[in-house]
């Protein structure tokens, strides 16, 4: 599995965990909706510095979780989600 795929899985996981729309999650990450959508759909390569930035933003958003860059690029099968939008939960 490629690193971009793992990042997409983990970002979707955290978005689901916090019950946020892509729009709100993009705000939390300090990025645009368009860029987040491209990442989640594996259409762009993401720089390591961007992964670090996202980890810092997530740690600020949920300071109790201690989210690191490693958390965003490590594969955990239990983090795979089956939907893209929060209103598509099943």
Protein backbone atom coordinates (compact mmCIF):
# COMPACT_ATOMS: atom_id res chain seq x y z
CA UNK A 1 0.00 0.00 0.00
CA UNK A 2 1.30 3.43 -0.92
CA UNK A 3 1.86 6.20 1.58
CA UNK A 4 -0.79 8.43 -0.07
CA UNK A 5 -3.39 5.69 0.38
CA UNK A 6 -2.50 5.33 4.05
CA UNK A 7 -2.71 9.08 4.60
CA UNK A 8 -6.13 9.14 2.91
CA UNK A 9 -7.38 6.33 5.18
CA UNK A 10 -6.12 8.07 8.30
CA UNK A 11 -7.53 11.49 7.40
CA UNK A 12 -10.94 9.94 6.69
CA UNK A 13 -10.68 8.09 10.00
CA UNK A 14 -10.03 11.28 11.98
CA UNK A 15 -12.74 13.15 10.10
CA UNK A 16 -15.19 10.39 11.04
CA UNK A 17 -13.89 10.25 14.62
CA UNK A 18 -14.58 13.95 15.10
CA UNK A 19 -17.83 13.76 13.09
CA UNK A 20 -16.78 16.61 10.80
CA UNK A 21 -17.71 17.39 7.22
CA UNK A 22 -14.88 17.74 4.72
CA UNK A 23 -15.38 21.50 4.87
CA UNK A 24 -14.98 21.69 8.65
CA UNK A 25 -12.15 19.17 8.67
CA UNK A 26 -10.28 21.19 6.04
CA UNK A 27 -10.60 24.22 8.34
CA UNK A 28 -9.20 22.20 11.25
CA UNK A 29 -6.25 21.11 9.10
CA UNK A 30 -5.64 24.63 7.81
CA UNK A 31 -6.14 23.65 4.18
CA UNK A 32 -8.75 24.00 1.46
CA UNK A 33 -11.69 21.71 0.85
CA UNK A 34 -10.41 21.08 -2.67
CA UNK A 35 -6.97 19.99 -1.45
CA UNK A 36 -8.41 17.75 1.28
CA UNK A 37 -10.72 16.15 -1.28
CA UNK A 38 -7.77 15.50 -3.60
CA UNK A 39 -5.80 13.92 -0.74
CA UNK A 40 -8.70 11.72 0.36
CA UNK A 41 -9.21 10.60 -3.24
CA UNK A 42 -5.47 9.94 -3.69
CA UNK A 43 -5.12 12.41 -6.57
CA UNK A 44 -2.13 14.36 -5.20
CA UNK A 45 1.17 13.59 -3.56
CA UNK A 46 1.56 15.25 -0.18
CA UNK A 47 4.83 16.65 1.12
CA UNK A 48 6.09 15.41 4.46
CA UNK A 49 5.98 18.99 5.76
CA UNK A 50 2.23 19.02 5.03
CA UNK A 51 1.76 15.79 6.98
CA UNK A 52 3.64 17.39 9.89
CA UNK A 53 1.41 20.48 9.65
CA UNK A 54 -1.76 18.34 9.67
CA UNK A 55 -0.53 16.39 12.70
CA UNK A 56 0.13 19.61 14.62
CA UNK A 57 -3.31 20.98 13.72
CA UNK A 58 -5.01 17.74 14.78
CA UNK A 59 -3.08 17.69 18.03
CA UNK A 60 -4.26 21.24 18.74
CA UNK A 61 -7.83 20.26 17.87
CA UNK A 62 -7.71 17.18 20.13
CA UNK A 63 -4.85 17.77 22.55
CA UNK A 64 -5.69 14.61 24.52
CA UNK A 65 -4.98 12.31 21.57
CA UNK A 66 -1.29 13.16 21.04
CA UNK A 67 -1.57 12.77 17.25
CA UNK A 68 1.78 12.66 15.48
CA UNK A 69 2.90 12.59 11.87
CA UNK A 70 3.62 8.91 12.34
CA UNK A 71 -0.05 8.33 13.20
CA UNK A 72 -1.04 9.83 9.85
CA UNK A 73 1.30 7.65 7.79
CA UNK A 74 0.97 4.34 9.68
CA UNK A 75 -1.46 1.71 8.44
CA UNK A 76 -4.17 0.48 10.80
CA UNK A 77 -6.83 -1.73 9.17
CA UNK A 78 -9.42 -0.71 11.78
CA UNK A 79 -9.25 2.86 10.50
CA UNK A 80 -10.68 2.04 7.08
CA UNK A 81 -14.03 3.78 6.61
CA UNK A 82 -16.72 2.90 4.10
CA UNK A 83 -18.09 6.35 3.36
CA UNK A 84 -16.86 9.71 2.16
CA UNK A 85 -19.43 12.15 3.55
CA UNK A 86 -20.69 12.21 7.12
CA UNK A 87 -24.28 12.06 5.87
CA UNK A 88 -23.52 8.71 4.16
CA UNK A 89 -22.96 6.79 7.40
CA UNK A 90 -24.43 3.29 7.39
